[in-house]
C-alpha atoms as a PDB file:
ATOM      1  CA  MET A   1       7.877-129.734   6.212  1.00  0.00           C
ATOM      2  CA  ALA A   2       9.484-128.268   3.107  1.00  0.00           C
ATOM      3  CA  ARG A   3       9.568-124.502   2.691  1.00  0.00           C
ATOM      4  CA  ARG A   4       8.386-123.254  -0.596  1.00  0.00           C
ATOM      5  CA  ARG A   5      10.316-120.364  -2.146  1.00  0.00           C
ATOM      6  CA  ALA A   6       8.529-117.428  -3.741  1.00  0.00           C
ATOM      7  CA  PRO A   7       8.739-117.470  -7.517  1.00  0.00           C
ATOM      8  CA  ARG A   8      11.478-115.345  -9.049  1.00  0.00           C
ATOM      9  CA  ALA A   9       8.841-113.311 -10.926  1.00  0.00           C
ATOM     10  CA  LEU A  10       7.513-112.043  -7.594  1.00  0.00           C
ATOM     11  CA  TYR A  11      10.935-110.599  -6.746  1.00  0.00           C
ATOM     12  CA  VAL A  12      11.146-108.953 -10.152  1.00  0.00           C
ATOM     13  CA  VAL A  13       7.706-107.357  -9.734  1.00  0.00           C
ATOM     14  CA  LEU A  14       8.633-106.103  -6.254  1.00  0.00           C
ATOM     15  CA  ALA A  15      11.921-104.647  -7.538  1.00  0.00           C
ATOM     16  CA  VAL A  16      10.189-102.845 -10.418  1.00  0.00           C
ATOM     17  CA  SER A  17       7.513-101.516  -8.067  1.00  0.00           C
ATOM     18  CA  LEU A  18      10.153-100.241  -5.652  1.00  0.00           C
ATOM     19  CA  ALA A  19      12.057 -98.556  -8.487  1.00  0.00           C
ATOM     20  CA  LEU A  20       8.913 -96.837  -9.767  1.00  0.00           C
ATOM     21  CA  ASN A  21       7.983 -95.641  -6.287  1.00  0.00           C
ATOM     22  CA  LEU A  22      11.470 -94.237  -5.719  1.00  0.00           C
ATOM     23  CA  ALA A  23      11.399 -92.506  -9.107  1.00  0.00           C
ATOM     24  CA  ALA A  24       8.015 -90.933  -8.328  1.00  0.00           C
ATOM     25  CA  ALA A  25       9.188 -89.837  -4.880  1.00  0.00           C
ATOM     26  CA  GLY A  26      12.281 -88.285  -6.448  1.00  0.00           C
ATOM     27  CA  PHE A  27      10.231 -86.454  -9.060  1.00  0.00           C
ATOM     28  CA  PHE A  28       7.854 -84.983  -6.504  1.00  0.00           C
ATOM     29  CA  GLY A  29      10.753 -84.231  -4.190  1.00  0.00           C
ATOM     30  CA  VAL A  30      12.537 -82.243  -6.893  1.00  0.00           C
ATOM     31  CA  THR A  31       9.450 -80.437  -8.151  1.00  0.00           C
ATOM     32  CA  GLY A  32       8.187 -79.834  -4.634  1.00  0.00           C
ATOM     33  CA  PHE A  33       4.646 -80.614  -5.773  1.00  0.00           C
ATOM     34  CA  HIS A  34       4.634 -77.250  -7.568  1.00  0.00           C
ATOM     35  CA  LEU A  35       1.874 -77.543 -10.055  1.00  0.00           C
ATOM     36  CA  LYS A  36       1.259 -74.730 -12.487  1.00  0.00           C
ATOM     37  CA  PRO A  37      -1.483 -72.491 -11.117  1.00  0.00           C
ATOM     38  CA  PRO A  38      -4.632 -72.158 -13.163  1.00  0.00           C
ATOM     39  CA  PRO A  39      -4.774 -69.158 -15.483  1.00  0.00           C
ATOM     40  CA  ARG A  40      -6.095 -66.003 -13.905  1.00  0.00           C
ATOM     41  CA  THR A  41      -9.700 -65.382 -14.829  1.00  0.00           C
ATOM     42  CA  VAL A  42     -12.390 -63.101 -13.493  1.00  0.00           C
ATOM     43  CA  ASP A  43     -13.856 -66.062 -11.586  1.00  0.00           C
ATOM     44  CA  THR A  44     -10.547 -67.053  -9.978  1.00  0.00           C
ATOM     45  CA  THR A  45      -9.862 -63.415  -9.119  1.00  0.00           C
ATOM     46  CA  ILE A  46     -13.249 -62.939  -7.469  1.00  0.00           C
ATOM     47  CA  GLY A  47     -12.874 -66.230  -5.612  1.00  0.00           C
ATOM     48  CA  PHE A  48      -9.356 -65.415  -4.420  1.00  0.00           C
ATOM     49  CA  ILE A  49     -10.169 -61.878  -3.271  1.00  0.00           C
ATOM     50  CA  SER A  50     -13.380 -62.783  -1.455  1.00  0.00           C
ATOM     51  CA  SER A  51     -11.777 -65.823   0.212  1.00  0.00           C
ATOM     52  CA  ARG A  52      -9.152 -63.636   1.899  1.00  0.00           C
ATOM     53  CA  TYR A  53     -11.805 -62.170   4.183  1.00  0.00           C
ATOM     54  CA  PRO A  54     -14.057 -63.641   6.867  1.00  0.00           C
ATOM     55  CA  PRO A  55     -17.092 -65.276   5.227  1.00  0.00           C
ATOM     56  CA  SER A  56     -19.539 -62.497   6.139  1.00  0.00           C
ATOM     57  CA  VAL A  57     -17.205 -59.836   4.709  1.00  0.00           C
ATOM     58  CA  GLY A  58     -16.126 -61.944   1.741  1.00  0.00           C
ATOM     59  CA  ALA A  59     -19.733 -62.522   0.678  1.00  0.00           C
ATOM     60  CA  VAL A  60     -20.394 -58.775   0.414  1.00  0.00           C
ATOM     61  CA  ILE A  61     -17.091 -58.208  -1.393  1.00  0.00           C
ATOM     62  CA  ARG A  62     -17.934 -61.039  -3.806  1.00  0.00           C
ATOM     63  CA  GLU A  63     -21.281 -59.375  -4.512  1.00  0.00           C
ATOM     64  CA  LYS A  64     -19.600 -56.037  -5.292  1.00  0.00           C
ATOM     65  CA  LEU A  65     -16.972 -57.700  -7.492  1.00  0.00           C
ATOM     66  CA  GLU A  66     -19.688 -59.618  -9.358  1.00  0.00           C
ATOM     67  CA  ALA A  67     -21.475 -56.319  -9.982  1.00  0.00           C
ATOM     68  CA  ARG A  68     -18.245 -55.057 -11.599  1.00  0.00           C
ATOM     69  CA  ARG A  69     -17.608 -58.256 -13.547  1.00  0.00           C
ATOM     70  CA  ASP A  70     -17.497 -56.549 -16.960  1.00  0.00           C
ATOM     71  CA  GLU A  71     -15.170 -53.808 -15.728  1.00  0.00           C
ATOM     72  CA  LEU A  72     -12.978 -56.382 -13.972  1.00  0.00           C
ATOM     73  CA  SER A  73     -12.899 -58.551 -17.092  1.00  0.00           C
ATOM     74  CA  GLN A  74     -11.836 -55.646 -19.290  1.00  0.00           C
ATOM     75  CA  ALA A  75      -9.120 -54.546 -16.841  1.00  0.00           C
ATOM     76  CA  LEU A  76      -7.818 -58.111 -16.562  1.00  0.00           C
ATOM     77  CA  GLN A  77      -7.701 -58.527 -20.333  1.00  0.00           C
ATOM     78  CA  GLU A  78      -5.858 -55.222 -20.716  1.00  0.00           C
ATOM     79  CA  LEU A  79      -3.354 -56.350 -18.059  1.00  0.00           C
ATOM     80  CA  LYS A  80      -2.799 -59.674 -19.833  1.00  0.00           C
ATOM     81  CA  ASP A  81      -2.378 -57.883 -23.168  1.00  0.00           C
ATOM     82  CA  ALA A  82       0.145 -55.459 -21.653  1.00  0.00           C
ATOM     83  CA  ARG A  83       2.159 -58.290 -20.131  1.00  0.00           C
ATOM     84  CA  ARG A  84       2.145 -60.173 -23.424  1.00  0.00           C
ATOM     85  CA  ALA A  85       3.273 -57.014 -25.248  1.00  0.00           C
ATOM     86  CA  THR A  86       6.075 -56.586 -22.701  1.00  0.00           C
ATOM     87  CA  ARG A  87       7.323 -60.130 -23.337  1.00  0.00           C
ATOM     88  CA  ASP A  88       7.121 -59.558 -27.090  1.00  0.00           C
ATOM     89  CA  THR A  89       9.098 -56.330 -26.775  1.00  0.00           C
ATOM     90  CA  MET A  90      11.798 -58.021 -24.709  1.00  0.00           C
ATOM     91  CA  SER A  91      12.334 -60.658 -27.388  1.00  0.00           C
ATOM     92  CA  GLN A  92      12.569 -58.287 -30.345  1.00  0.00           C
ATOM     93  CA  THR A  93      15.766 -57.753 -32.286  1.00  0.00           C
ATOM     94  CA  PRO A  94      17.365 -55.309 -32.085  1.00  0.00           C
ATOM     95  CA  LEU A  95      16.799 -54.861 -28.380  1.00  0.00           C
ATOM     96  CA  ASP A  96      15.394 -51.394 -27.690  1.00  0.00           C
ATOM     97  CA  ARG A  97      15.678 -50.276 -24.063  1.00  0.00           C
ATOM     98  CA  ALA A  98      13.286 -47.343 -24.523  1.00  0.00           C
ATOM     99  CA  ARG A  99      10.562 -49.627 -25.931  1.00  0.00           C
ATOM    100  CA  ILE A 100      11.098 -52.108 -23.097  1.00  0.00           C
ATOM    101  CA  ASP A 101      10.818 -49.330 -20.504  1.00  0.00           C
ATOM    102  CA  ALA A 102       7.650 -48.058 -22.178  1.00  0.00           C
ATOM    103  CA  ALA A 103       6.155 -51.561 -22.250  1.00  0.00           C
ATOM    104  CA  PHE A 104       6.913 -52.038 -18.551  1.00  0.00           C
ATOM    105  CA  ALA A 105       5.404 -48.631 -17.765  1.00  0.00           C
ATOM    106  CA  ASN A 106       2.231 -49.577 -19.643  1.00  0.00           C
ATOM    107  CA  SER A 107       2.108 -52.892 -17.797  1.00  0.00           C
ATOM    108  CA  ARG A 108       2.353 -51.071 -14.448  1.00  0.00           C
ATOM    109  CA  VAL A 109      -0.514 -48.759 -15.451  1.00  0.00           C
ATOM    110  CA  LYS A 110      -2.693 -51.727 -16.442  1.00  0.00           C
ATOM    111  CA  ALA A 111      -1.864 -53.552 -13.188  1.00  0.00           C
ATOM    112  CA  ALA A 112      -2.839 -50.446 -11.225  1.00  0.00           C
ATOM    113  CA  ASP A 113      -6.087 -50.146 -13.216  1.00  0.00           C
ATOM    114  CA  PHE A 114      -6.894 -53.792 -12.460  1.00  0.00           C
ATOM    115  CA  GLN A 115      -6.218 -53.317  -8.754  1.00  0.00           C
ATOM    116  CA  LYS A 116      -8.248 -50.111  -8.713  1.00  0.00           C
ATOM    117  CA  VAL A 117     -11.369 -52.013  -9.800  1.00  0.00           C
ATOM    118  CA  ILE A 118     -10.798 -54.539  -7.011  1.00  0.00           C
ATOM    119  CA  HIS A 119     -10.036 -51.914  -4.368  1.00  0.00           C
ATOM    120  CA  GLU A 120     -13.088 -49.832  -5.291  1.00  0.00           C
ATOM    121  CA  ALA A 121     -15.322 -52.902  -4.990  1.00  0.00           C
ATOM    122  CA  ILE A 122     -13.881 -53.662  -1.553  1.00  0.00           C
ATOM    123  CA  ALA A 123     -14.312 -50.051  -0.431  1.00  0.00           C
ATOM    124  CA  ASP A 124     -17.912 -50.069  -1.743  1.00  0.00           C
ATOM    125  CA  ALA A 125     -18.630 -53.293   0.153  1.00  0.00           C
ATOM    126  CA  LEU A 126     -17.366 -52.253   3.578  1.00  0.00           C
ATOM    127  CA  PRO A 127     -20.186 -49.849   4.555  1.00  0.00           C
ATOM    128  CA  ALA A 128     -22.652 -52.748   4.192  1.00  0.00           C
ATOM    129  CA  VAL A 129     -20.632 -54.934   6.583  1.00  0.00           C
ATOM    130  CA  PRO A 130     -21.423 -54.683  10.314  1.00  0.00           C
ATOM    131  CA  GLU A 131     -18.618 -53.276  12.449  1.00  0.00           C
ATOM    132  CA  ALA A 132     -18.294 -56.546  14.367  1.00  0.00           C
ATOM    133  CA  ASP A 133     -17.682 -58.435  11.122  1.00  0.00           C
ATOM    134  CA  ARG A 134     -15.192 -55.848   9.871  1.00  0.00           C
ATOM    135  CA  ALA A 135     -13.307 -56.284  13.163  1.00  0.00           C
ATOM    136  CA  LYS A 136     -12.752 -59.928  12.203  1.00  0.00           C
ATOM    137  CA  ILE A 137     -10.629 -58.942   9.200  1.00  0.00           C
ATOM    138  CA  ASP A 138      -7.236 -60.482   9.902  1.00  0.00           C
ATOM    139  CA  ARG A 139      -4.650 -57.748  10.166  1.00  0.00           C
ATOM    140  CA  GLY A 140      -1.908 -60.334  10.690  1.00  0.00           C
ATOM    141  CA  ASP A 141      -2.489 -61.963   7.312  1.00  0.00           C
ATOM    142  CA  PRO A 142       0.762 -62.152   5.356  1.00  0.00           C
ATOM    143  CA  ASP A 143       0.801 -60.053   2.230  1.00  0.00           C
END
Protein backbone atom coordinates (compact mmCIF):
# COMPACT_ATOMS: atom_id res chain seq x y z
CA MET A 1 0.00 0.00 0.00
CA ALA A 2 1.47 3.35 -1.00
CA ARG A 3 1.64 6.12 1.59
CA ARG A 4 0.31 9.40 0.48
CA ARG A 5 2.23 12.50 1.55
CA ALA A 6 0.44 15.58 2.85
CA PRO A 7 0.43 18.42 0.36
CA ARG A 8 3.14 21.03 0.81
CA ALA A 9 0.46 23.72 1.30
CA LEU A 10 -0.63 21.98 4.51
CA TYR A 11 2.88 22.36 5.94
CA VAL A 12 2.94 26.02 4.97
CA VAL A 13 -0.42 26.65 6.66
CA LEU A 14 0.75 24.85 9.81
CA ALA A 15 4.00 26.85 9.88
CA VAL A 16 2.15 30.17 9.49
CA SER A 17 -0.34 29.18 12.19
CA LEU A 18 2.48 28.24 14.56
CA ALA A 19 4.26 31.54 13.88
CA LEU A 20 1.10 33.55 14.55
CA ASN A 21 0.42 31.66 17.77
CA LEU A 22 3.97 32.23 18.99
CA ALA A 23 3.76 35.93 18.12
CA ALA A 24 0.48 36.27 20.02
CA ALA A 25 1.88 34.40 23.02
CA GLY A 26 4.92 36.67 22.99
CA PHE A 27 2.78 39.80 22.81
CA PHE A 28 0.61 38.75 25.73
CA GLY A 29 3.66 37.56 27.62
CA VAL A 30 5.34 40.95 27.27
CA THR A 31 2.24 43.00 28.02
CA GLY A 32 1.21 40.69 30.83
CA PHE A 33 -2.42 40.96 29.72
CA HIS A 34 -2.43 44.51 31.11
CA LEU A 35 -5.34 46.14 29.45
CA LYS A 36 -6.01 49.80 30.04
CA PRO A 37 -8.60 50.15 32.80
CA PRO A 38 -11.85 51.84 31.92
CA PRO A 39 -12.04 55.55 32.70
CA ARG A 40 -13.16 56.37 36.20
CA THR A 41 -16.80 57.39 36.30
CA VAL A 42 -19.33 57.79 39.06
CA ASP A 43 -20.77 54.38 38.14
CA THR A 44 -17.41 52.59 38.23
CA THR A 45 -16.56 54.32 41.50
CA ILE A 46 -19.83 53.30 43.14
CA GLY A 47 -19.45 49.76 41.82
CA PHE A 48 -15.84 49.47 43.00
CA ILE A 49 -16.47 50.88 46.48
CA SER A 50 -19.60 48.83 47.17
CA SER A 51 -18.00 45.63 45.84
CA ARG A 52 -15.21 45.83 48.43
CA TYR A 53 -17.68 44.99 51.19
CA PRO A 54 -19.81 41.94 51.95
CA PRO A 55 -22.99 42.04 49.83
CA SER A 56 -25.29 43.10 52.69
CA VAL A 57 -22.96 45.97 53.63
CA GLY A 58 -22.13 46.88 50.04
CA ALA A 59 -25.80 47.22 49.14
CA VAL A 60 -26.36 49.84 51.85
CA ILE A 61 -23.16 51.66 50.91
CA ARG A 62 -24.23 51.64 47.25
CA GLU A 63 -27.56 53.17 48.26
CA LYS A 64 -25.82 55.98 50.19
CA LEU A 65 -23.38 56.63 47.34
CA GLU A 66 -26.26 56.73 44.84
CA ALA A 67 -27.98 59.31 47.05
CA ARG A 68 -24.81 61.43 46.76
CA ARG A 69 -24.39 60.85 43.03
CA ASP A 70 -24.43 64.55 42.11
CA GLU A 71 -21.95 65.46 44.84
CA LEU A 72 -19.74 62.51 43.89
CA SER A 73 -19.91 63.47 40.22
CA GLN A 74 -18.89 67.05 40.93
CA ALA A 75 -16.00 65.97 43.19
CA LEU A 76 -14.80 63.48 40.58
CA GLN A 77 -14.92 66.07 37.81
CA GLU A 78 -13.00 68.56 39.96
CA LEU A 79 -10.38 65.87 40.67
CA LYS A 80 -10.03 65.07 36.96
CA ASP A 81 -9.75 68.78 36.14
CA ALA A 82 -7.07 69.26 38.80
CA ARG A 83 -5.06 66.32 37.51
CA ARG A 84 -5.32 67.59 33.95
CA ALA A 85 -4.21 71.06 35.10
CA THR A 86 -1.25 69.47 36.90
CA ARG A 87 -0.15 67.68 33.72
CA ASP A 88 -0.56 70.90 31.74
CA THR A 89 1.53 72.81 34.27
CA MET A 90 4.30 70.21 34.16
CA SER A 91 4.59 70.54 30.39
CA GLN A 92 4.73 74.33 30.26
CA THR A 93 7.82 76.23 29.21
CA PRO A 94 9.50 77.71 31.09
CA LEU A 95 9.17 75.17 33.87
CA ASP A 96 7.91 76.87 37.03
CA ARG A 97 8.45 74.85 40.22
CA ALA A 98 6.12 77.05 42.29
CA ARG A 99 3.25 76.56 39.81
CA ILE A 100 3.88 72.81 39.73
CA ASP A 101 3.84 72.64 43.54
CA ALA A 102 0.62 74.66 43.62
CA ALA A 103 -0.99 72.40 41.00
CA PHE A 104 -0.03 69.30 42.99
CA ALA A 105 -1.38 70.88 46.18
CA ASN A 106 -4.69 71.61 44.44
CA SER A 107 -4.80 68.05 43.13
CA ARG A 108 -4.31 66.70 46.67
CA VAL A 109 -7.16 68.89 47.95
CA LYS A 110 -9.48 67.66 45.19
CA ALA A 111 -8.52 64.03 45.86
CA ALA A 112 -9.28 64.53 49.55
CA ASP A 113 -12.63 66.16 48.69
CA PHE A 114 -13.50 63.19 46.46
CA GLN A 115 -12.59 60.70 49.18
CA LYS A 116 -14.52 62.71 51.77
CA VAL A 117 -17.75 62.22 49.81
CA ILE A 118 -17.10 58.47 49.66
CA HIS A 119 -16.10 58.19 53.32
CA GLU A 120 -19.14 60.17 54.49
CA ALA A 121 -21.44 57.89 52.50
CA ILE A 122 -19.82 54.82 54.06
CA ALA A 123 -20.08 56.31 57.55
CA ASP A 124 -23.75 57.20 56.91
CA ALA A 125 -24.45 53.65 55.74
CA LEU A 126 -22.96 51.76 58.67
CA PRO A 127 -25.64 52.51 61.30
CA ALA A 128 -28.21 50.84 59.02
CA VAL A 129 -26.12 47.65 58.78
CA PRO A 130 -26.68 44.96 61.44
CA GLU A 131 -23.71 44.32 63.72
CA ALA A 132 -23.38 40.75 62.46
CA ASP A 133 -23.02 42.00 58.88
CA ARG A 134 -20.53 44.69 59.88
CA ALA A 135 -18.46 41.96 61.57
CA LYS A 136 -18.08 40.33 58.15
CA ILE A 137 -16.11 43.30 56.82
CA ASP A 138 -12.73 41.85 55.89
CA ARG A 139 -10.05 43.50 57.98
CA GLY A 140 -7.36 41.48 56.19
CA ASP A 141 -8.19 42.98 52.80
CA PRO A 142 -5.07 44.42 51.19
CA ASP A 143 -5.15 48.16 50.75
